[in-house]
């Protein structure tokens, strides 16, 4: 499955970003092999409004099934849900490899509509 990670850079060594809709990059990774498929620049991050929904569209267009983020705002989460993309909190992970390991171990918490998260 394709998993997207919100990052500050375009390499597997990049730190995870603190935002979803306004993350600088999404690293799309094959979660079974751990190999990067694509570094996707988040063109939605400069939008005046609706960055979360537009970021979700970018990921859906790439066939992403899971996104790992620090948090996701309600509009972004609604859009992800509409596209059938699950969102998980990155927890204490600081880099892609750590978050991927936690995802594969089943230790990441799914972000759900009723979490009441602030806009990201």
Protein backbone atom coordinates (compact mmCIF):
# COMPACT_ATOMS: atom_id res chain seq x y z
CA UNK A 1 0.00 0.00 0.00
CA UNK A 2 1.13 3.56 -0.64
CA UNK A 3 1.63 5.58 2.52
CA UNK A 4 2.32 9.34 2.52
CA UNK A 5 4.38 11.05 5.19
CA UNK A 6 4.23 14.80 5.83
CA UNK A 7 7.85 15.99 5.67
CA UNK A 8 10.02 19.10 5.55
CA UNK A 9 12.16 17.72 2.72
CA UNK A 10 12.16 15.41 -0.26
CA UNK A 11 14.37 12.55 1.00
CA UNK A 12 13.87 9.60 3.35
CA UNK A 13 16.17 11.37 5.84
CA UNK A 14 13.85 14.39 6.05
CA UNK A 15 12.22 15.33 9.33
CA UNK A 16 8.47 14.90 9.62
CA UNK A 17 6.52 18.14 9.21
CA UNK A 18 4.33 19.55 11.95
CA UNK A 19 1.35 20.02 9.60
CA UNK A 20 -0.75 18.10 7.11
CA UNK A 21 -2.37 20.57 4.72
CA UNK A 22 0.61 22.92 4.80
CA UNK A 23 3.39 20.34 4.90
CA UNK A 24 6.13 21.14 2.41
CA UNK A 25 6.40 17.61 1.00
CA UNK A 26 4.65 14.26 1.03
CA UNK A 27 6.96 11.28 0.74
CA UNK A 28 5.01 8.42 -0.80
CA UNK A 29 6.42 5.11 0.41
CA UNK A 30 5.59 1.47 -0.23
CA UNK A 31 4.87 0.44 3.35
CA UNK A 32 5.77 -3.21 2.66
CA UNK A 33 9.20 -2.63 1.14
CA UNK A 34 9.97 0.70 2.84
CA UNK A 35 11.07 2.13 -0.50
CA UNK A 36 10.22 5.68 -1.50
CA UNK A 37 7.98 5.77 -4.54
CA UNK A 38 7.82 9.53 -4.97
CA UNK A 39 8.61 12.84 -3.31
CA UNK A 40 5.50 14.92 -3.93
CA UNK A 41 5.76 18.67 -3.40
CA UNK A 42 2.63 19.86 -1.61
CA UNK A 43 1.41 22.58 -3.95
CA UNK A 44 -1.72 22.98 -1.78
CA UNK A 45 0.29 24.48 1.10
CA UNK A 46 0.23 27.97 -0.40
CA UNK A 47 -3.56 28.08 -0.79
CA UNK A 48 -5.32 30.88 1.09
CA UNK A 49 -7.87 28.38 2.40
CA UNK A 50 -8.74 24.74 1.95
CA UNK A 51 -5.16 23.47 1.97
CA UNK A 52 -6.15 20.25 3.77
CA UNK A 53 -8.78 19.31 1.23
CA UNK A 54 -6.52 20.10 -1.70
CA UNK A 55 -3.66 18.15 -0.13
CA UNK A 56 -6.01 15.18 0.27
CA UNK A 57 -6.88 15.44 -3.44
CA UNK A 58 -3.16 15.40 -4.35
CA UNK A 59 -2.67 12.21 -2.35
CA UNK A 60 -5.80 10.57 -3.73
CA UNK A 61 -4.60 11.30 -7.27
CA UNK A 62 -1.41 9.35 -6.46
CA UNK A 63 -3.30 6.34 -5.09
CA UNK A 64 -2.26 6.85 -1.47
CA UNK A 65 -4.20 4.74 1.04
CA UNK A 66 -2.69 5.99 4.31
CA UNK A 67 -1.26 9.30 5.50
CA UNK A 68 0.94 9.76 8.56
CA UNK A 69 0.60 13.24 10.07
CA UNK A 70 1.01 15.01 13.40
CA UNK A 71 -2.62 16.09 13.21
CA UNK A 72 -5.23 16.78 10.56
CA UNK A 73 -7.83 19.52 10.65
CA UNK A 74 -11.53 18.69 10.30
CA UNK A 75 -11.80 19.73 6.64
CA UNK A 76 -8.67 17.84 5.67
CA UNK A 77 -9.84 14.78 7.57
CA UNK A 78 -13.26 14.92 5.89
CA UNK A 79 -11.56 15.06 2.51
CA UNK A 80 -9.21 12.17 3.34
CA UNK A 81 -12.17 10.11 4.55
CA UNK A 82 -14.13 10.90 1.37
CA UNK A 83 -11.19 9.61 -0.71
CA UNK A 84 -10.90 6.47 1.41
CA UNK A 85 -7.53 7.49 2.87
CA UNK A 86 -6.86 6.60 6.51
CA UNK A 87 -4.89 9.03 8.67
CA UNK A 88 -2.64 8.07 11.57
CA UNK A 89 -0.87 10.24 14.15
CA UNK A 90 2.88 10.08 13.79
CA UNK A 91 3.27 9.87 17.56
CA UNK A 92 6.79 10.49 18.81
CA UNK A 93 8.42 9.67 15.46
CA UNK A 94 10.65 12.42 14.10
CA UNK A 95 11.64 10.86 10.77
CA UNK A 96 10.00 8.76 8.07
CA UNK A 97 11.78 5.51 9.00
CA UNK A 98 10.61 5.74 12.62
CA UNK A 99 7.01 6.44 11.63
CA UNK A 100 7.02 3.64 9.03
CA UNK A 101 8.33 1.20 11.62
CA UNK A 102 5.60 2.25 14.09
CA UNK A 103 2.94 1.92 11.36
CA UNK A 104 4.08 -1.59 10.47
CA UNK A 105 4.16 -2.51 14.17
CA UNK A 106 0.57 -1.31 14.52
CA UNK A 107 1.38 1.21 17.23
CA UNK A 108 0.15 4.40 15.55
CA UNK A 109 -3.22 5.84 16.54
CA UNK A 110 -5.79 6.41 13.80
CA UNK A 111 -7.09 9.96 13.51
CA UNK A 112 -10.89 9.97 13.47
CA UNK A 113 -13.53 12.65 12.88
CA UNK A 114 -14.46 12.88 16.55
CA UNK A 115 -10.90 13.60 17.73
CA UNK A 116 -11.66 17.34 17.67
CA UNK A 117 -8.25 18.26 16.31
CA UNK A 118 -7.41 21.84 15.54
CA UNK A 119 -6.86 22.98 11.98
CA UNK A 120 -3.49 21.92 10.58
